[in-house]
Amino acid sequence: MDQNEQIIINLIVNAGSARSSAIEAIQYAKGGEIEKAEQSLQDAKETVNEAHHSQTELIQAEIRGEKTPLNLLMVHAQDHLMTALVVIDLAQEFIDLYKKVG
């Protein structure tokens, strides 16, 4: 496995973990456990930042002229990242909503 593939795998792992933590945050909020929800959301944000770092590494390499091949693995990684970002945003909205109605 080359360096770019390892970076892509890290992006997938971290984005997937962030998404899972964000879903967990929604579940905690739904159950009225707002503190746990906020902690899971914070975990999601920290983990998605790690995924962003991986993405930034790939972008910087491309700027230096080191082309990253567009393959299914790369598409999968970007899909995971974008999904994680959307779920994190939604989790924040759910937590805010459950705070108001709870």
PDB file of N, CA and C in Angstrom:
ATOM      1  N   MET A   1       0.844  -1.167   0.000  1.00  0.00           N
ATOM      2  CA  MET A   1       0.000   0.000   0.000  1.00  0.00           C
ATOM      3  C   MET A   1       0.900   1.244   0.000  1.00  0.00           C
ATOM      4  N   ASP A   2       0.639   2.162  -0.938  1.00  0.00           N
ATOM      5  CA  ASP A   2       1.472   3.362  -0.988  1.00  0.00           C
ATOM      6  C   ASP A   2       0.970   4.413   0.005  1.00  0.00           C
ATOM      7  N   GLN A   3       1.719   5.495   0.120  1.00  0.00           N
ATOM      8  CA  GLN A   3       1.411   6.526   1.115  1.00  0.00           C
ATOM      9  C   GLN A   3       0.033   7.144   0.885  1.00  0.00           C
ATOM     10  N   ASN A   4      -0.318   7.445  -0.367  1.00  0.00           N
ATOM     11  CA  ASN A   4      -1.628   8.032  -0.646  1.00  0.00           C
ATOM     12  C   ASN A   4      -2.759   7.088  -0.268  1.00  0.00           C
ATOM     13  N   GLU A   5      -2.585   5.807  -0.542  1.00  0.00           N
ATOM     14  CA  GLU A   5      -3.622   4.848  -0.162  1.00  0.00           C
ATOM     15  C   GLU A   5      -3.801   4.810   1.346  1.00  0.00           C
ATOM     16  N   GLN A   6      -2.713   4.895   2.102  1.00  0.00           N
ATOM     17  CA  GLN A   6      -2.796   4.905   3.566  1.00  0.00           C
ATOM     18  C   GLN A   6      -3.522   6.155   4.053  1.00  0.00           C
ATOM     19  N   ILE A   7      -3.239   7.285   3.435  1.00  0.00           N
ATOM     20  CA  ILE A   7      -3.917   8.536   3.797  1.00  0.00           C
ATOM     21  C   ILE A   7      -5.417   8.409   3.517  1.00  0.00           C
ATOM     22  N   ILE A   8      -5.761   7.814   2.381  1.00  0.00           N
ATOM     23  CA  ILE A   8      -7.170   7.631   2.017  1.00  0.00           C
ATOM     24  C   ILE A   8      -7.857   6.702   3.016  1.00  0.00           C
ATOM     25  N   ILE A   9      -7.189   5.633   3.401  1.00  0.00           N
ATOM     26  CA  ILE A   9      -7.757   4.710   4.399  1.00  0.00           C
ATOM     27  C   ILE A   9      -7.981   5.448   5.716  1.00  0.00           C
ATOM     28  N   ASN A  10      -7.028   6.264   6.135  1.00  0.00           N
ATOM     29  CA  ASN A  10      -7.196   7.047   7.364  1.00  0.00           C
ATOM     30  C   ASN A  10      -8.395   7.980   7.255  1.00  0.00           C
ATOM     31  N   LEU A  11      -8.568   8.575   6.093  1.00  0.00           N
ATOM     32  CA  LEU A  11      -9.709   9.454   5.869  1.00  0.00           C
ATOM     33  C   LEU A  11     -11.013   8.669   6.044  1.00  0.00           C
ATOM     34  N   ILE A  12     -11.097   7.493   5.450  1.00  0.00           N
ATOM     35  CA  ILE A  12     -12.299   6.664   5.556  1.00  0.00           C
ATOM     36  C   ILE A  12     -12.571   6.274   7.003  1.00  0.00           C
ATOM     37  N   VAL A  13     -11.550   5.801   7.689  1.00  0.00           N
ATOM     38  CA  VAL A  13     -11.715   5.350   9.071  1.00  0.00           C
ATOM     39  C   VAL A  13     -12.175   6.496   9.975  1.00  0.00           C
ATOM     40  N   ASN A  14     -11.512   7.637   9.872  1.00  0.00           N
ATOM     41  CA  ASN A  14     -11.865   8.758  10.735  1.00  0.00           C
ATOM     42  C   ASN A  14     -13.234   9.343  10.401  1.00  0.00           C
ATOM     43  N   ALA A  15     -13.547   9.446   9.123  1.00  0.00           N
ATOM     44  CA  ALA A  15     -14.858   9.968   8.744  1.00  0.00           C
ATOM     45  C   ALA A  15     -15.966   9.010   9.193  1.00  0.00           C
ATOM     46  N   GLY A  16     -15.745   7.725   9.037  1.00  0.00           N
ATOM     47  CA  GLY A  16     -16.742   6.746   9.487  1.00  0.00           C
ATOM     48  C   GLY A  16     -16.937   6.784  10.990  1.00  0.00           C
ATOM     49  N   SER A  17     -15.860   6.924  11.713  1.00  0.00           N
ATOM     50  CA  SER A  17     -15.939   7.024  13.165  1.00  0.00           C
ATOM     51  C   SER A  17     -16.668   8.294  13.596  1.00  0.00           C
ATOM     52  N   ALA A  18     -16.385   9.386  12.916  1.00  0.00           N
ATOM     53  CA  ALA A  18     -17.059  10.654  13.222  1.00  0.00           C
ATOM     54  C   ALA A  18     -18.560  10.544  12.974  1.00  0.00           C
ATOM     55  N   ARG A  19     -18.928   9.917  11.873  1.00  0.00           N
ATOM     56  CA  ARG A  19     -20.346   9.726  11.563  1.00  0.00           C
ATOM     57  C   ARG A  19     -21.019   8.899  12.652  1.00  0.00           C
ATOM     58  N   SER A  20     -20.367   7.829  13.084  1.00  0.00           N
ATOM     59  CA  SER A  20     -20.922   6.973  14.142  1.00  0.00           C
ATOM     60  C   SER A  20     -21.113   7.747  15.443  1.00  0.00           C
ATOM     61  N   SER A  21     -20.144   8.565  15.793  1.00  0.00           N
ATOM     62  CA  SER A  21     -20.265   9.373  17.018  1.00  0.00           C
ATOM     63  C   SER A  21     -21.395  10.392  16.903  1.00  0.00           C
ATOM     64  N   ALA A  22     -21.593  10.944  15.717  1.00  0.00           N
ATOM     65  CA  ALA A  22     -22.678  11.906  15.514  1.00  0.00           C
ATOM     66  C   ALA A  22     -24.042  11.224  15.624  1.00  0.00           C
ATOM     67  N   ILE A  23     -24.161  10.025  15.063  1.00  0.00           N
ATOM     68  CA  ILE A  23     -25.411   9.254  15.196  1.00  0.00           C
ATOM     69  C   ILE A  23     -25.650   8.922  16.663  1.00  0.00           C
ATOM     70  N   GLU A  24     -24.606   8.548  17.360  1.00  0.00           N
ATOM     71  CA  GLU A  24     -24.703   8.276  18.790  1.00  0.00           C
ATOM     72  C   GLU A  24     -25.185   9.513  19.538  1.00  0.00           C
ATOM     73  N   ALA A  25     -24.696  10.674  19.147  1.00  0.00           N
ATOM     74  CA  ALA A  25     -25.118  11.923  19.778  1.00  0.00           C
ATOM     75  C   ALA A  25     -26.626  12.141  19.605  1.00  0.00           C
ATOM     76  N   ILE A  26     -27.128  11.867  18.419  1.00  0.00           N
ATOM     77  CA  ILE A  26     -28.572  12.005  18.168  1.00  0.00           C
ATOM     78  C   ILE A  26     -29.349  11.037  19.055  1.00  0.00           C
ATOM     79  N   GLN A  27     -28.869   9.810  19.174  1.00  0.00           N
ATOM     80  CA  GLN A  27     -29.551   8.815  20.000  1.00  0.00           C
ATOM     81  C   GLN A  27     -29.563   9.230  21.472  1.00  0.00           C
ATOM     82  N   TYR A  28     -28.440   9.743  21.953  1.00  0.00           N
ATOM     83  CA  TYR A  28     -28.399  10.232  23.333  1.00  0.00           C
ATOM     84  C   TYR A  28     -29.376  11.390  23.530  1.00  0.00           C
ATOM     85  N   ALA A  29     -29.390  12.319  22.597  1.00  0.00           N
ATOM     86  CA  ALA A  29     -30.300  13.465  22.705  1.00  0.00           C
ATOM     87  C   ALA A  29     -31.750  12.996  22.714  1.00  0.00           C
ATOM     88  N   LYS A  30     -32.061  12.064  21.868  1.00  0.00           N
ATOM     89  CA  LYS A  30     -33.422  11.507  21.790  1.00  0.00           C
ATOM     90  C   LYS A  30     -33.827  10.894  23.129  1.00  0.00           C
ATOM     91  N   GLY A  31     -32.860  10.289  23.813  1.00  0.00           N
ATOM     92  CA  GLY A  31     -33.119   9.687  25.119  1.00  0.00           C
ATOM     93  C   GLY A  31     -33.043  10.669  26.275  1.00  0.00           C
ATOM     94  N   GLY A  32     -32.844  11.946  25.965  1.00  0.00           N
ATOM     95  CA  GLY A  32     -32.779  12.965  27.010  1.00  0.00           C
ATOM     96  C   GLY A  32     -31.435  13.091  27.697  1.00  0.00           C
ATOM     97  N   GLU A  33     -30.425  12.404  27.186  1.00  0.00           N
ATOM     98  CA  GLU A  33     -29.089  12.453  27.790  1.00  0.00           C
ATOM     99  C   GLU A  33     -28.245  13.490  27.048  1.00  0.00           C
ATOM    100  N   ILE A  34     -28.542  14.753  27.325  1.00  0.00           N
ATOM    101  CA  ILE A  34     -27.950  15.856  26.569  1.00  0.00           C
ATOM    102  C   ILE A  34     -26.437  15.956  26.786  1.00  0.00           C
ATOM    103  N   GLU A  35     -25.971  15.762  28.005  1.00  0.00           N
ATOM    104  CA  GLU A  35     -24.526  15.842  28.251  1.00  0.00           C
ATOM    105  C   GLU A  35     -23.769  14.782  27.455  1.00  0.00           C
ATOM    106  N   LYS A  36     -24.294  13.558  27.441  1.00  0.00           N
ATOM    107  CA  LYS A  36     -23.659  12.498  26.661  1.00  0.00           C
ATOM    108  C   LYS A  36     -23.737  12.819  25.168  1.00  0.00           C
ATOM    109  N   ALA A  37     -24.865  13.396  24.751  1.00  0.00           N
ATOM    110  CA  ALA A  37     -25.032  13.773  23.349  1.00  0.00           C
ATOM    111  C   ALA A  37     -23.981  14.800  22.952  1.00  0.00           C
ATOM    112  N   GLU A  38     -23.792  15.801  23.795  1.00  0.00           N
ATOM    113  CA  GLU A  38     -22.810  16.846  23.499  1.00  0.00           C
ATOM    114  C   GLU A  38     -21.395  16.288  23.477  1.00  0.00           C
ATOM    115  N   GLN A  39     -21.110  15.333  24.351  1.00  0.00           N
ATOM    116  CA  GLN A  39     -19.774  14.725  24.354  1.00  0.00           C
ATOM    117  C   GLN A  39     -19.558  13.906  23.087  1.00  0.00           C
ATOM    118  N   SER A  40     -20.563  13.144  22.675  1.00  0.00           N
ATOM    119  CA  SER A  40     -20.435  12.359  21.440  1.00  0.00           C
ATOM    120  C   SER A  40     -20.272  13.278  20.238  1.00  0.00           C
ATOM    121  N   LEU A  41     -20.992  14.390  20.237  1.00  0.00           N
ATOM    122  CA  LEU A  41     -20.862  15.343  19.139  1.00  0.00           C
ATOM    123  C   LEU A  41     -19.461  15.955  19.132  1.00  0.00           C
ATOM    124  N   GLN A  42     -18.935  16.268  20.297  1.00  0.00           N
ATOM    125  CA  GLN A  42     -17.568  16.800  20.371  1.00  0.00           C
ATOM    126  C   GLN A  42     -16.564  15.768  19.856  1.00  0.00           C
ATOM    127  N   ASP A  43     -16.773  14.508  20.221  1.00  0.00           N
ATOM    128  CA  ASP A  43     -15.903  13.432  19.725  1.00  0.00           C
ATOM    129  C   ASP A  43     -15.974  13.370  18.199  1.00  0.00           C
ATOM    130  N   ALA A  44     -17.192  13.494  17.659  1.00  0.00           N
ATOM    131  CA  ALA A  44     -17.378  13.458  16.207  1.00  0.00           C
ATOM    132  C   ALA A  44     -16.621  14.603  15.541  1.00  0.00           C
ATOM    133  N   LYS A  45     -16.703  15.781  16.110  1.00  0.00           N
ATOM    134  CA  LYS A  45     -16.028  16.943  15.528  1.00  0.00           C
ATOM    135  C   LYS A  45     -14.513  16.772  15.551  1.00  0.00           C
ATOM    136  N   GLU A  46     -13.996  16.241  16.642  1.00  0.00           N
ATOM    137  CA  GLU A  46     -12.551  16.025  16.735  1.00  0.00           C
ATOM    138  C   GLU A  46     -12.089  14.975  15.725  1.00  0.00           C
ATOM    139  N   THR A  47     -12.866  13.922  15.588  1.00  0.00           N
ATOM    140  CA  THR A  47     -12.491  12.853  14.673  1.00  0.00           C
ATOM    141  C   THR A  47     -12.609  13.291  13.221  1.00  0.00           C
ATOM    142  N   VAL A  48     -13.644  14.071  12.898  1.00  0.00           N
ATOM    143  CA  VAL A  48     -13.785  14.544  11.517  1.00  0.00           C
ATOM    144  C   VAL A  48     -12.646  15.505  11.171  1.00  0.00           C
ATOM    145  N   ASN A  49     -12.121  16.196  12.160  1.00  0.00           N
ATOM    146  CA  ASN A  49     -10.953  17.047  11.908  1.00  0.00           C
ATOM    147  C   ASN A  49      -9.754  16.213  11.469  1.00  0.00           C
ATOM    148  N   GLU A  50      -9.615  15.020  12.041  1.00  0.00           N
ATOM    149  CA  GLU A  50      -8.536  14.119  11.610  1.00  0.00           C
ATOM    150  C   GLU A  50      -8.744  13.711  10.151  1.00  0.00           C
ATOM    151  N   ALA A  51      -9.993  13.456   9.783  1.00  0.00           N
ATOM    152  CA  ALA A  51     -10.288  13.123   8.385  1.00  0.00           C
ATOM    153  C   ALA A  51      -9.953  14.300   7.480  1.00  0.00           C
ATOM    154  N   HIS A  52     -10.278  15.506   7.936  1.00  0.00           N
ATOM    155  CA  HIS A  52      -9.950  16.707   7.168  1.00  0.00           C
ATOM    156  C   HIS A  52      -8.445  16.842   6.969  1.00  0.00           C
ATOM    157  N   HIS A  53      -7.683  16.488   7.997  1.00  0.00           N
ATOM    158  CA  HIS A  53      -6.220  16.550   7.877  1.00  0.00           C
ATOM    159  C   HIS A  53      -5.736  15.619   6.769  1.00  0.00           C
ATOM    160  N   SER A  54      -6.331  14.438   6.701  1.00  0.00           N
ATOM    161  CA  SER A  54      -5.965  13.499   5.636  1.00  0.00           C
ATOM    162  C   SER A  54      -6.305  14.076   4.267  1.00  0.00           C
ATOM    163  N   GLN A  55      -7.483  14.668   4.163  1.00  0.00           N
ATOM    164  CA  GLN A  55      -7.891  15.267   2.898  1.00  0.00           C
ATOM    165  C   GLN A  55      -6.936  16.399   2.516  1.00  0.00           C
ATOM    166  N   THR A  56      -6.560  17.196   3.496  1.00  0.00           N
ATOM    167  CA  THR A  56      -5.641  18.309   3.247  1.00  0.00           C
ATOM    168  C   THR A  56      -4.285  17.794   2.766  1.00  0.00           C
ATOM    169  N   GLU A  57      -3.813  16.692   3.340  1.00  0.00           N
ATOM    170  CA  GLU A  57      -2.554  16.099   2.882  1.00  0.00           C
ATOM    171  C   GLU A  57      -2.625  15.748   1.398  1.00  0.00           C
ATOM    172  N   LEU A  58      -3.739  15.164   0.990  1.00  0.00           N
ATOM    173  CA  LEU A  58      -3.912  14.787  -0.411  1.00  0.00           C
ATOM    174  C   LEU A  58      -3.979  16.014  -1.308  1.00  0.00           C
ATOM    175  N   ILE A  59      -4.660  17.052  -0.858  1.00  0.00           N
ATOM    176  CA  ILE A  59      -4.773  18.282  -1.639  1.00  0.00           C
ATOM    177  C   ILE A  59      -3.403  18.940  -1.785  1.00  0.00           C
ATOM    178  N   GLN A  60      -2.645  19.012  -0.696  1.00  0.00           N
ATOM    179  CA  GLN A  60      -1.317  19.617  -0.751  1.00  0.00           C
ATOM    180  C   GLN A  60      -0.390  18.829  -1.661  1.00  0.00           C
ATOM    181  N   ALA A  61      -0.499  17.503  -1.630  1.00  0.00           N
ATOM    182  CA  ALA A  61       0.320  16.673  -2.521  1.00  0.00           C
ATOM    183  C   ALA A  61      -0.030  16.963  -3.973  1.00  0.00           C
ATOM    184  N   GLU A  62      -1.314  17.135  -4.252  1.00  0.00           N
ATOM    185  CA  GLU A  62      -1.732  17.421  -5.624  1.00  0.00           C
ATOM    186  C   GLU A  62      -1.214  18.791  -6.068  1.00  0.00           C
ATOM    187  N   ILE A  63      -1.212  19.760  -5.166  1.00  0.00           N
ATOM    188  CA  ILE A  63      -0.681  21.090  -5.484  1.00  0.00           C
ATOM    189  C   ILE A  63       0.802  21.002  -5.834  1.00  0.00           C
ATOM    190  N   ARG A  64       1.516  20.087  -5.162  1.00  0.00           N
ATOM    191  CA  ARG A  64       2.949  19.877  -5.451  1.00  0.00           C
ATOM    192  C   ARG A  64       3.163  19.086  -6.736  1.00  0.00           C
ATOM    193  N   GLY A  65       2.080  18.679  -7.387  1.00  0.00           N
ATOM    194  CA  GLY A  65       2.200  17.939  -8.631  1.00  0.00           C
ATOM    195  C   GLY A  65       2.132  16.438  -8.472  1.00  0.00           C
ATOM    196  N   GLU A  66       1.894  15.980  -7.262  1.00  0.00           N
ATOM    197  CA  GLU A  66       1.774  14.546  -7.000  1.00  0.00           C
ATOM    198  C   GLU A  66       0.306  14.152  -7.164  1.00  0.00           C
ATOM    199  N   LYS A  67      -0.019  13.621  -8.299  1.00  0.00           N
ATOM    200  CA  LYS A  67      -1.411  13.296  -8.610  1.00  0.00           C
ATOM    201  C   LYS A  67      -1.886  12.079  -7.816  1.00  0.00           C
ATOM    202  N   THR A  68      -3.060  12.213  -7.218  1.00  0.00           N
ATOM    203  CA  THR A  68      -3.730  11.095  -6.565  1.00  0.00           C
ATOM    204  C   THR A  68      -4.726  10.532  -7.563  1.00  0.00           C
ATOM    205  N   PRO A  69      -4.596   9.252  -7.898  1.00  0.00           N
ATOM    206  CA  PRO A  69      -5.518   8.696  -8.887  1.00  0.00           C
ATOM    207  C   PRO A  69      -6.956   8.719  -8.376  1.00  0.00           C
ATOM    208  N   LEU A  70      -7.856   9.056  -9.260  1.00  0.00           N
ATOM    209  CA  LEU A  70      -9.273   9.031  -8.922  1.00  0.00           C
ATOM    210  C   LEU A  70      -9.737   7.589  -9.110  1.00  0.00           C
ATOM    211  N   ASN A  71      -9.957   6.917  -7.994  1.00  0.00           N
ATOM    212  CA  ASN A  71     -10.407   5.532  -8.036  1.00  0.00           C
ATOM    213  C   ASN A  71     -11.556   5.353  -7.053  1.00  0.00           C
ATOM    214  N   LEU A  72     -12.090   4.163  -7.003  1.00  0.00           N
ATOM    215  CA  LEU A  72     -13.239   3.902  -6.144  1.00  0.00           C
ATOM    216  C   LEU A  72     -12.918   4.168  -4.674  1.00  0.00           C
ATOM    217  N   LEU A  73     -11.710   3.863  -4.255  1.00  0.00           N
ATOM    218  CA  LEU A  73     -11.309   4.095  -2.865  1.00  0.00           C
ATOM    219  C   LEU A  73     -11.365   5.586  -2.528  1.00  0.00           C
ATOM    220  N   MET A  74     -10.886   6.425  -3.424  1.00  0.00           N
ATOM    221  CA  MET A  74     -10.908   7.868  -3.201  1.00  0.00           C
ATOM    222  C   MET A  74     -12.347   8.402  -3.185  1.00  0.00           C
ATOM    223  N   VAL A  75     -13.162   7.929  -4.100  1.00  0.00           N
ATOM    224  CA  VAL A  75     -14.569   8.344  -4.127  1.00  0.00           C
ATOM    225  C   VAL A  75     -15.263   7.930  -2.834  1.00  0.00           C
ATOM    226  N   HIS A  76     -14.972   6.723  -2.390  1.00  0.00           N
ATOM    227  CA  HIS A  76     -15.548   6.209  -1.143  1.00  0.00           C
ATOM    228  C   HIS A  76     -15.130   7.090   0.044  1.00  0.00           C
ATOM    229  N   ALA A  77     -13.874   7.481   0.073  1.00  0.00           N
ATOM    230  CA  ALA A  77     -13.365   8.326   1.160  1.00  0.00           C
ATOM    231  C   ALA A  77     -14.075   9.678   1.184  1.00  0.00           C
ATOM    232  N   GLN A  78     -14.226  10.290   0.031  1.00  0.00           N
ATOM    233  CA  GLN A  78     -14.892  11.592  -0.031  1.00  0.00           C
ATOM    234  C   GLN A  78     -16.358  11.472   0.354  1.00  0.00           C
ATOM    235  N   ASP A  79     -16.988  10.369  -0.041  1.00  0.00           N
ATOM    236  CA  ASP A  79     -18.375  10.120   0.328  1.00  0.00           C
ATOM    237  C   ASP A  79     -18.514  10.012   1.847  1.00  0.00           C
ATOM    238  N   HIS A  80     -17.595   9.276   2.467  1.00  0.00           N
ATOM    239  CA  HIS A  80     -17.621   9.145   3.928  1.00  0.00           C
ATOM    240  C   HIS A  80     -17.454  10.507   4.603  1.00  0.00           C
ATOM    241  N   LEU A  81     -16.529  11.293   4.118  1.00  0.00           N
ATOM    242  CA  LEU A  81     -16.276  12.596   4.723  1.00  0.00           C
ATOM    243  C   LEU A  81     -17.500  13.504   4.621  1.00  0.00           C
ATOM    244  N   MET A  82     -18.078  13.592   3.438  1.00  0.00           N
ATOM    245  CA  MET A  82     -19.234  14.471   3.251  1.00  0.00           C
ATOM    246  C   MET A  82     -20.427  13.993   4.083  1.00  0.00           C
ATOM    247  N   THR A  83     -20.622  12.691   4.156  1.00  0.00           N
ATOM    248  CA  THR A  83     -21.719  12.155   4.967  1.00  0.00           C
ATOM    249  C   THR A  83     -21.495  12.476   6.437  1.00  0.00           C
ATOM    250  N   ALA A  84     -20.282  12.318   6.905  1.00  0.00           N
ATOM    251  CA  ALA A  84     -19.976  12.630   8.304  1.00  0.00           C
ATOM    252  C   ALA A  84     -20.255  14.095   8.611  1.00  0.00           C
ATOM    253  N   LEU A  85     -19.855  14.977   7.710  1.00  0.00           N
ATOM    254  CA  LEU A  85     -20.084  16.406   7.935  1.00  0.00           C
ATOM    255  C   LEU A  85     -21.571  16.731   8.013  1.00  0.00           C
ATOM    256  N   VAL A  86     -22.366  16.119   7.149  1.00  0.00           N
ATOM    257  CA  VAL A  86     -23.812  16.357   7.168  1.00  0.00           C
ATOM    258  C   VAL A  86     -24.432  15.821   8.459  1.00  0.00           C
ATOM    259  N   VAL A  87     -24.046  14.615   8.860  1.00  0.00           N
ATOM    260  CA  VAL A  87     -24.621  14.029  10.079  1.00  0.00           C
ATOM    261  C   VAL A  87     -24.213  14.831  11.309  1.00  0.00           C
ATOM    262  N   ILE A  88     -22.999  15.347  11.336  1.00  0.00           N
ATOM    263  CA  ILE A  88     -22.570  16.195  12.460  1.00  0.00           C
ATOM    264  C   ILE A  88     -23.437  17.448  12.537  1.00  0.00           C
ATOM    265  N   ASP A  89     -23.681  18.080  11.393  1.00  0.00           N
ATOM    266  CA  ASP A  89     -24.547  19.262  11.382  1.00  0.00           C
ATOM    267  C   ASP A  89     -25.949  18.922  11.871  1.00  0.00           C
ATOM    268  N   LEU A  90     -26.483  17.812  11.404  1.00  0.00           N
ATOM    269  CA  LEU A  90     -27.816  17.394  11.833  1.00  0.00           C
ATOM    270  C   LEU A  90     -27.850  17.045  13.319  1.00  0.00           C
ATOM    271  N   ALA A  91     -26.800  16.408  13.802  1.00  0.00           N
ATOM    272  CA  ALA A  91     -26.740  16.060  15.223  1.00  0.00           C
ATOM    273  C   ALA A  91     -26.799  17.318  16.082  1.00  0.00           C
ATOM    274  N   GLN A  92     -26.097  18.363  15.660  1.00  0.00           N
ATOM    275  CA  GLN A  92     -26.147  19.615  16.411  1.00  0.00           C
ATOM    276  C   GLN A  92     -27.569  20.168  16.442  1.00  0.00           C
ATOM    277  N   GLU A  93     -28.248  20.106  15.316  1.00  0.00           N
ATOM    278  CA  GLU A  93     -29.634  20.581  15.245  1.00  0.00           C
ATOM    279  C   GLU A  93     -30.548  19.753  16.142  1.00  0.00           C
ATOM    280  N   PHE A  94     -30.379  18.442  16.131  1.00  0.00           N
ATOM    281  CA  PHE A  94     -31.201  17.579  16.989  1.00  0.00           C
ATOM    282  C   PHE A  94     -30.946  17.875  18.460  1.00  0.00           C
ATOM    283  N   ILE A  95     -29.703  18.023  18.839  1.00  0.00           N
ATOM    284  CA  ILE A  95     -29.383  18.326  20.238  1.00  0.00           C
ATOM    285  C   ILE A  95     -30.035  19.641  20.642  1.00  0.00           C
ATOM    286  N   ASP A  96     -29.902  20.659  19.799  1.00  0.00           N
ATOM    287  CA  ASP A  96     -30.525  21.948  20.105  1.00  0.00           C
ATOM    288  C   ASP A  96     -32.039  21.809  20.244  1.00  0.00           C
ATOM    289  N   LEU A  97     -32.641  21.034  19.365  1.00  0.00           N
ATOM    290  CA  LEU A  97     -34.087  20.822  19.399  1.00  0.00           C
ATOM    291  C   LEU A  97     -34.502  20.091  20.674  1.00  0.00           C
ATOM    292  N   TYR A  98     -33.810  19.015  21.007  1.00  0.00           N
ATOM    293  CA  TYR A  98     -34.169  18.253  22.216  1.00  0.00           C
ATOM    294  C   TYR A  98     -33.937  19.080  23.476  1.00  0.00           C
ATOM    295  N   LYS A  99     -32.993  19.989  23.478  1.00  0.00           N
ATOM    296  CA  LYS A  99     -32.803  20.886  24.606  1.00  0.00           C
ATOM    297  C   LYS A  99     -34.036  21.773  24.800  1.00  0.00           C
ATOM    298  N   LYS A 100     -34.587  22.247  23.697  1.00  0.00           N
ATOM    299  CA  LYS A 100     -35.745  23.143  23.761  1.00  0.00           C
ATOM    300  C   LYS A 100     -37.017  22.426  24.201  1.00  0.00           C
ATOM    301  N   VAL A 101     -37.232  21.237  23.697  1.00  0.00           N
ATOM    302  CA  VAL A 101     -38.485  20.541  23.980  1.00  0.00           C
ATOM    303  C   VAL A 101     -38.395  19.657  25.224  1.00  0.00           C
ATOM    304  N   GLY A 102     -37.165  19.422  25.694  1.00  0.00           N
ATOM    305  CA  GLY A 102     -36.968  18.509  26.813  1.00  0.00           C
ATOM    306  C   GLY A 102     -37.080  19.108  28.133  1.00  0.00           C
TER     307      GLY A 102
END
